[in-house]
Amino acid sequence: PDYVSVMIGVNDVWRQFDARLLYENH
């Protein structure tokens, strides 16, 4: 690419709420 855009982070947070005991996904 000449340009790259990245939107990431909400799942990094969300897994700590909707799968709070699945620590391997946090």
PDB file of all heavy atoms in Angstrom:
ATOM      1  N   PRO A   1       0.818  -1.222   0.000  1.00  0.00           N
ATOM      2  CA  PRO A   1       0.000   0.000   0.000  1.00  0.00           C
ATOM      3  C   PRO A   1       0.848   1.267   0.000  1.00  0.00           C
ATOM      4  O   PRO A   1       2.026   1.251   0.390  1.00  0.00           O
ATOM      5  CB  PRO A   1      -0.773  -0.116   1.310  1.00  0.00           C
ATOM      6  CG  PRO A   1       0.165  -0.851   2.216  1.00  0.00           C
ATOM      7  CD  PRO A   1       0.873  -1.850   1.322  1.00  0.00           C
ATOM      8  N   ASP A   2       0.219   2.345  -0.421  1.00  0.00           N
ATOM      9  CA  ASP A   2       0.815   3.673  -0.264  1.00  0.00           C
ATOM     10  C   ASP A   2       0.360   4.307   1.040  1.00  0.00           C
ATOM     11  O   ASP A   2       1.080   5.107   1.637  1.00  0.00           O
ATOM     12  CB  ASP A   2       0.420   4.564  -1.439  1.00  0.00           C
ATOM     13  CG  ASP A   2       0.898   4.007  -2.763  1.00  0.00           C
ATOM     14  OD1 ASP A   2       2.110   4.019  -2.992  1.00  0.00           O
ATOM     15  OD2 ASP A   2       0.054   3.545  -3.563  1.00  0.00           O
ATOM     16  N   TYR A   3      -0.845   3.953   1.451  1.00  0.00           N
ATOM     17  CA  TYR A   3      -1.436   4.480   2.681  1.00  0.00           C
ATOM     18  C   TYR A   3      -2.113   3.334   3.425  1.00  0.00           C
ATOM     19  O   TYR A   3      -2.640   2.408   2.813  1.00  0.00           O
ATOM     20  CB  TYR A   3      -2.474   5.567   2.381  1.00  0.00           C
ATOM     21  CG  TYR A   3      -1.954   6.703   1.544  1.00  0.00           C
ATOM     22  CD1 TYR A   3      -2.105   6.688   0.152  1.00  0.00           C
ATOM     23  CD2 TYR A   3      -1.307   7.781   2.120  1.00  0.00           C
ATOM     24  CE1 TYR A   3      -1.615   7.728  -0.628  1.00  0.00           C
ATOM     25  CE2 TYR A   3      -0.808   8.819   1.355  1.00  0.00           C
ATOM     26  CZ  TYR A   3      -0.974   8.786  -0.029  1.00  0.00           C
ATOM     27  OH  TYR A   3      -0.478   9.803  -0.792  1.00  0.00           O
ATOM     28  N   VAL A   4      -2.100   3.415   4.758  1.00  0.00           N
ATOM     29  CA  VAL A   4      -2.736   2.394   5.586  1.00  0.00           C
ATOM     30  C   VAL A   4      -3.557   3.087   6.666  1.00  0.00           C
ATOM     31  O   VAL A   4      -3.065   4.017   7.320  1.00  0.00           O
ATOM     32  CB  VAL A   4      -1.698   1.463   6.249  1.00  0.00           C
ATOM     33  CG1 VAL A   4      -2.387   0.478   7.199  1.00  0.00           C
ATOM     34  CG2 VAL A   4      -0.893   0.710   5.205  1.00  0.00           C
ATOM     35  N   SER A   5      -4.790   2.639   6.843  1.00  0.00           N
ATOM     36  CA  SER A   5      -5.578   3.091   7.985  1.00  0.00           C
ATOM     37  C   SER A   5      -5.899   1.902   8.870  1.00  0.00           C
ATOM     38  O   SER A   5      -6.142   0.796   8.379  1.00  0.00           O
ATOM     39  CB  SER A   5      -6.864   3.789   7.537  1.00  0.00           C
ATOM     40  OG  SER A   5      -7.890   2.861   7.272  1.00  0.00           O
ATOM     41  N   VAL A   6      -5.881   2.129  10.180  1.00  0.00           N
ATOM     42  CA  VAL A   6      -6.104   1.080  11.168  1.00  0.00           C
ATOM     43  C   VAL A   6      -7.157   1.550  12.157  1.00  0.00           C
ATOM     44  O   VAL A   6      -7.005   2.607  12.767  1.00  0.00           O
ATOM     45  CB  VAL A   6      -4.808   0.756  11.949  1.00  0.00           C
ATOM     46  CG1 VAL A   6      -5.035  -0.414  12.903  1.00  0.00           C
ATOM     47  CG2 VAL A   6      -3.648   0.480  11.008  1.00  0.00           C
ATOM     48  N   MET A   7      -8.237   0.763  12.294  1.00  0.00           N
ATOM     49  CA  MET A   7      -9.184   0.991  13.388  1.00  0.00           C
ATOM     50  C   MET A   7      -9.278  -0.303  14.188  1.00  0.00           C
ATOM     51  O   MET A   7      -9.799  -1.305  13.704  1.00  0.00           O
ATOM     52  CB  MET A   7     -10.569   1.395  12.877  1.00  0.00           C
ATOM     53  CG  MET A   7     -11.588   1.526  14.018  1.00  0.00           C
ATOM     54  SD  MET A   7     -13.240   1.973  13.469  1.00  0.00           S
ATOM     55  CE  MET A   7     -13.014   3.736  13.266  1.00  0.00           C
ATOM     56  N   ILE A   8      -8.751  -0.283  15.394  1.00  0.00           N
ATOM     57  CA  ILE A   8      -8.713  -1.492  16.221  1.00  0.00           C
ATOM     58  C   ILE A   8      -8.713  -1.095  17.699  1.00  0.00           C
ATOM     59  O   ILE A   8      -8.202  -0.019  18.042  1.00  0.00           O
ATOM     60  CB  ILE A   8      -7.454  -2.354  15.902  1.00  0.00           C
ATOM     61  CG1 ILE A   8      -7.625  -3.800  16.370  1.00  0.00           C
ATOM     62  CG2 ILE A   8      -6.198  -1.714  16.453  1.00  0.00           C
ATOM     63  CD1 ILE A   8      -8.641  -4.582  15.576  1.00  0.00           C
ATOM     64  N   GLY A   9      -9.289  -1.951  18.529  1.00  0.00           N
ATOM     65  CA  GLY A   9      -9.231  -1.701  19.966  1.00  0.00           C
ATOM     66  C   GLY A   9     -10.491  -2.067  20.723  1.00  0.00           C
ATOM     67  O   GLY A   9     -10.420  -2.448  21.892  1.00  0.00           O
ATOM     68  N   VAL A  10     -11.655  -1.978  20.079  1.00  0.00           N
ATOM     69  CA  VAL A  10     -12.874  -2.215  20.854  1.00  0.00           C
ATOM     70  C   VAL A  10     -12.983  -3.677  21.274  1.00  0.00           C
ATOM     71  O   VAL A  10     -13.436  -3.975  22.389  1.00  0.00           O
ATOM     72  CB  VAL A  10     -14.132  -1.745  20.088  1.00  0.00           C
ATOM     73  CG1 VAL A  10     -14.448  -2.654  18.909  1.00  0.00           C
ATOM     74  CG2 VAL A  10     -15.322  -1.646  21.033  1.00  0.00           C
ATOM     75  N   ASN A  11     -12.543  -4.623  20.445  1.00  0.00           N
ATOM     76  CA  ASN A  11     -12.582  -6.029  20.857  1.00  0.00           C
ATOM     77  C   ASN A  11     -11.539  -6.331  21.927  1.00  0.00           C
ATOM     78  O   ASN A  11     -11.751  -7.198  22.781  1.00  0.00           O
ATOM     79  CB  ASN A  11     -12.372  -6.950  19.656  1.00  0.00           C
ATOM     80  CG  ASN A  11     -13.575  -6.993  18.743  1.00  0.00           C
ATOM     81  OD1 ASN A  11     -14.715  -6.976  19.197  1.00  0.00           O
ATOM     82  ND2 ASN A  11     -13.333  -7.018  17.443  1.00  0.00           N
ATOM     83  N   ASP A  12     -10.412  -5.629  21.872  1.00  0.00           N
ATOM     84  CA  ASP A  12      -9.389  -5.783  22.908  1.00  0.00           C
ATOM     85  C   ASP A  12      -9.989  -5.467  24.282  1.00  0.00           C
ATOM     86  O   ASP A  12      -9.637  -6.092  25.286  1.00  0.00           O
ATOM     87  CB  ASP A  12      -8.214  -4.850  22.624  1.00  0.00           C
ATOM     88  CG  ASP A  12      -7.617  -5.075  21.243  1.00  0.00           C
ATOM     89  OD1 ASP A  12      -8.291  -4.784  20.236  1.00  0.00           O
ATOM     90  OD2 ASP A  12      -6.477  -5.542  21.162  1.00  0.00           O
ATOM     91  N   VAL A  13     -10.902  -4.491  24.290  1.00  0.00           N
ATOM     92  CA  VAL A  13     -11.607  -4.124  25.518  1.00  0.00           C
ATOM     93  C   VAL A  13     -12.802  -5.042  25.766  1.00  0.00           C
ATOM     94  O   VAL A  13     -12.990  -5.563  26.872  1.00  0.00           O
ATOM     95  CB  VAL A  13     -12.087  -2.658  25.431  1.00  0.00           C
ATOM     96  CG1 VAL A  13     -13.002  -2.322  26.605  1.00  0.00           C
ATOM     97  CG2 VAL A  13     -10.901  -1.703  25.385  1.00  0.00           C
ATOM     98  N   TRP A  14     -13.616  -5.261  24.764  1.00  0.00           N
ATOM     99  CA  TRP A  14     -14.898  -5.950  24.914  1.00  0.00           C
ATOM    100  C   TRP A  14     -14.744  -7.357  25.473  1.00  0.00           C
ATOM    101  O   TRP A  14     -15.560  -7.810  26.282  1.00  0.00           O
ATOM    102  CB  TRP A  14     -15.600  -5.980  23.558  1.00  0.00           C
ATOM    103  CG  TRP A  14     -17.097  -6.103  23.617  1.00  0.00           C
ATOM    104  CD1 TRP A  14     -17.895  -6.172  24.736  1.00  0.00           C
ATOM    105  CD2 TRP A  14     -17.982  -6.172  22.491  1.00  0.00           C
ATOM    106  NE1 TRP A  14     -19.213  -6.273  24.377  1.00  0.00           N
ATOM    107  CE2 TRP A  14     -19.294  -6.278  23.007  1.00  0.00           C
ATOM    108  CE3 TRP A  14     -17.788  -6.158  21.117  1.00  0.00           C
ATOM    109  CZ2 TRP A  14     -20.418  -6.366  22.179  1.00  0.00           C
ATOM    110  CZ3 TRP A  14     -18.907  -6.233  20.293  1.00  0.00           C
ATOM    111  CH2 TRP A  14     -20.202  -6.333  20.817  1.00  0.00           C
ATOM    112  N   ARG A  15     -13.706  -8.065  25.028  1.00  0.00           N
ATOM    113  CA  ARG A  15     -13.518  -9.432  25.519  1.00  0.00           C
ATOM    114  C   ARG A  15     -13.314  -9.459  27.031  1.00  0.00           C
ATOM    115  O   ARG A  15     -13.565 -10.485  27.671  1.00  0.00           O
ATOM    116  CB  ARG A  15     -12.317 -10.093  24.818  1.00  0.00           C
ATOM    117  CG  ARG A  15     -12.435 -10.308  23.347  1.00  0.00           C
ATOM    118  CD  ARG A  15     -13.553 -11.253  22.959  1.00  0.00           C
ATOM    119  NE  ARG A  15     -14.841 -10.586  22.877  1.00  0.00           N
ATOM    120  CZ  ARG A  15     -15.289  -9.939  21.791  1.00  0.00           C
ATOM    121  NH1 ARG A  15     -14.533  -9.884  20.707  1.00  0.00           N
ATOM    122  NH2 ARG A  15     -16.484  -9.368  21.801  1.00  0.00           N
ATOM    123  N   GLN A  16     -12.898  -8.363  27.617  1.00  0.00           N
ATOM    124  CA  GLN A  16     -12.714  -8.302  29.056  1.00  0.00           C
ATOM    125  C   GLN A  16     -14.037  -8.116  29.790  1.00  0.00           C
ATOM    126  O   GLN A  16     -14.096  -8.218  31.023  1.00  0.00           O
ATOM    127  CB  GLN A  16     -11.734  -7.186  29.416  1.00  0.00           C
ATOM    128  CG  GLN A  16     -10.358  -7.401  28.794  1.00  0.00           C
ATOM    129  CD  GLN A  16      -9.401  -6.270  29.063  1.00  0.00           C
ATOM    130  OE1 GLN A  16      -9.100  -5.958  30.219  1.00  0.00           O
ATOM    131  NE2 GLN A  16      -8.881  -5.664  28.002  1.00  0.00           N
ATOM    132  N   PHE A  17     -15.119  -7.880  29.007  1.00  0.00           N
ATOM    133  CA  PHE A  17     -16.453  -7.705  29.579  1.00  0.00           C
ATOM    134  C   PHE A  17     -17.388  -8.843  29.192  1.00  0.00           C
ATOM    135  O   PHE A  17     -18.109  -9.363  30.050  1.00  0.00           O
ATOM    136  CB  PHE A  17     -17.038  -6.365  29.134  1.00  0.00           C
ATOM    137  CG  PHE A  17     -16.381  -5.184  29.771  1.00  0.00           C
ATOM    138  CD1 PHE A  17     -15.221  -4.638  29.225  1.00  0.00           C
ATOM    139  CD2 PHE A  17     -16.888  -4.625  30.933  1.00  0.00           C
ATOM    140  CE1 PHE A  17     -14.595  -3.558  29.830  1.00  0.00           C
ATOM    141  CE2 PHE A  17     -16.264  -3.547  31.545  1.00  0.00           C
ATOM    142  CZ  PHE A  17     -15.104  -3.007  30.984  1.00  0.00           C
ATOM    143  N   ASP A  18     -17.389  -9.240  27.914  1.00  0.00           N
ATOM    144  CA  ASP A  18     -18.330 -10.280  27.493  1.00  0.00           C
ATOM    145  C   ASP A  18     -17.752 -11.682  27.618  1.00  0.00           C
ATOM    146  O   ASP A  18     -18.471 -12.669  27.455  1.00  0.00           O
ATOM    147  CB  ASP A  18     -18.835 -10.023  26.066  1.00  0.00           C
ATOM    148  CG  ASP A  18     -17.788 -10.241  24.987  1.00  0.00           C
ATOM    149  OD1 ASP A  18     -16.600 -10.411  25.320  1.00  0.00           O
ATOM    150  OD2 ASP A  18     -18.157 -10.224  23.808  1.00  0.00           O
ATOM    151  N   ALA A  19     -16.451 -11.782  27.884  1.00  0.00           N
ATOM    152  CA  ALA A  19     -15.813 -13.084  28.109  1.00  0.00           C
ATOM    153  C   ALA A  19     -14.767 -12.909  29.202  1.00  0.00           C
ATOM    154  O   ALA A  19     -13.596 -13.244  29.029  1.00  0.00           O
ATOM    155  CB  ALA A  19     -15.194 -13.603  26.821  1.00  0.00           C
ATOM    156  N   ARG A  20     -15.198 -12.414  30.345  1.00  0.00           N
ATOM    157  CA  ARG A  20     -14.246 -11.946  31.350  1.00  0.00           C
ATOM    158  C   ARG A  20     -13.402 -13.056  31.957  1.00  0.00           C
ATOM    159  O   ARG A  20     -12.317 -12.788  32.488  1.00  0.00           O
ATOM    160  CB  ARG A  20     -14.974 -11.168  32.448  1.00  0.00           C
ATOM    161  CG  ARG A  20     -15.918 -11.981  33.296  1.00  0.00           C
ATOM    162  CD  ARG A  20     -16.681 -11.080  34.267  1.00  0.00           C
ATOM    163  NE  ARG A  20     -17.513 -11.849  35.191  1.00  0.00           N
ATOM    164  CZ  ARG A  20     -17.083 -12.324  36.352  1.00  0.00           C
ATOM    165  NH1 ARG A  20     -15.831 -12.091  36.728  1.00  0.00           N
ATOM    166  NH2 ARG A  20     -17.872 -13.015  37.136  1.00  0.00           N
ATOM    167  N   LEU A  21     -13.869 -14.316  31.885  1.00  0.00           N
ATOM    168  CA  LEU A  21     -13.086 -15.414  32.442  1.00  0.00           C
ATOM    169  C   LEU A  21     -12.213 -16.114  31.407  1.00  0.00           C
ATOM    170  O   LEU A  21     -11.392 -16.962  31.752  1.00  0.00           O
ATOM    171  CB  LEU A  21     -14.013 -16.434  33.106  1.00  0.00           C
ATOM    172  CG  LEU A  21     -14.834 -15.912  34.288  1.00  0.00           C
ATOM    173  CD1 LEU A  21     -15.702 -17.015  34.865  1.00  0.00           C
ATOM    174  CD2 LEU A  21     -13.932 -15.319  35.366  1.00  0.00           C
ATOM    175  N   LEU A  22     -12.367 -15.738  30.154  1.00  0.00           N
ATOM    176  CA  LEU A  22     -11.529 -16.316  29.095  1.00  0.00           C
ATOM    177  C   LEU A  22     -10.290 -15.435  28.939  1.00  0.00           C
ATOM    178  O   LEU A  22     -10.131 -14.701  27.963  1.00  0.00           O
ATOM    179  CB  LEU A  22     -12.307 -16.422  27.792  1.00  0.00           C
ATOM    180  CG  LEU A  22     -13.580 -17.276  27.838  1.00  0.00           C
ATOM    181  CD1 LEU A  22     -14.246 -17.319  26.471  1.00  0.00           C
ATOM    182  CD2 LEU A  22     -13.265 -18.688  28.326  1.00  0.00           C
ATOM    183  N   TYR A  23      -9.408 -15.536  29.895  1.00  0.00           N
ATOM    184  CA  TYR A  23      -8.271 -14.622  29.986  1.00  0.00           C
ATOM    185  C   TYR A  23      -7.356 -14.693  28.765  1.00  0.00           C
ATOM    186  O   TYR A  23      -6.699 -13.709  28.420  1.00  0.00           O
ATOM    187  CB  TYR A  23      -7.471 -14.903  31.260  1.00  0.00           C
ATOM    188  CG  TYR A  23      -8.297 -14.818  32.516  1.00  0.00           C
ATOM    189  CD1 TYR A  23      -8.537 -15.946  33.295  1.00  0.00           C
ATOM    190  CD2 TYR A  23      -8.859 -13.605  32.918  1.00  0.00           C
ATOM    191  CE1 TYR A  23      -9.306 -15.874  34.445  1.00  0.00           C
ATOM    192  CE2 TYR A  23      -9.632 -13.527  34.074  1.00  0.00           C
ATOM    193  CZ  TYR A  23      -9.852 -14.659  34.826  1.00  0.00           C
ATOM    194  OH  TYR A  23     -10.628 -14.592  35.947  1.00  0.00           O
ATOM    195  N   GLU A  24      -7.342 -15.835  28.110  1.00  0.00           N
ATOM    196  CA  GLU A  24      -6.479 -15.982  26.945  1.00  0.00           C
ATOM    197  C   GLU A  24      -6.926 -15.095  25.785  1.00  0.00           C
ATOM    198  O   GLU A  24      -6.153 -14.843  24.854  1.00  0.00           O
ATOM    199  CB  GLU A  24      -6.426 -17.447  26.490  1.00  0.00           C
ATOM    200  CG  GLU A  24      -7.741 -18.006  25.994  1.00  0.00           C
ATOM    201  CD  GLU A  24      -8.609 -18.603  27.094  1.00  0.00           C
ATOM    202  OE1 GLU A  24      -8.373 -18.277  28.281  1.00  0.00           O
ATOM    203  OE2 GLU A  24      -9.516 -19.390  26.762  1.00  0.00           O
ATOM    204  N   ASN A  25      -8.175 -14.611  25.826  1.00  0.00           N
ATOM    205  CA  ASN A  25      -8.685 -13.741  24.770  1.00  0.00           C
ATOM    206  C   ASN A  25      -8.562 -12.264  25.112  1.00  0.00           C
ATOM    207  O   ASN A  25      -8.945 -11.421  24.311  1.00  0.00           O
ATOM    208  CB  ASN A  25     -10.152 -14.061  24.478  1.00  0.00           C
ATOM    209  CG  ASN A  25     -10.339 -15.450  23.902  1.00  0.00           C
ATOM    210  OD1 ASN A  25      -9.441 -15.973  23.252  1.00  0.00           O
ATOM    211  ND2 ASN A  25     -11.487 -16.059  24.142  1.00  0.00           N
ATOM    212  N   HIS A  26      -8.052 -11.961  26.302  1.00  0.00           N
ATOM    213  CA  HIS A  26      -7.927 -10.570  26.731  1.00  0.00           C
ATOM    214  C   HIS A  26      -6.617  -9.974  26.217  1.00  0.00           C
ATOM    215  O   HIS A  26      -5.600 -10.662  26.134  1.00  0.00           O
ATOM    216  CB  HIS A  26      -7.956 -10.472  28.255  1.00  0.00           C
ATOM    217  CG  HIS A  26      -9.240 -10.954  28.858  1.00  0.00           C
ATOM    218  ND1 HIS A  26      -9.460 -10.930  30.220  1.00  0.00           N
ATOM    219  CD2 HIS A  26     -10.372 -11.463  28.309  1.00  0.00           C
ATOM    220  CE1 HIS A  26     -10.672 -11.413  30.474  1.00  0.00           C
ATOM    221  NE2 HIS A  26     -11.232 -11.742  29.318  1.00  0.00           N
TER     222      HIS A  26
END
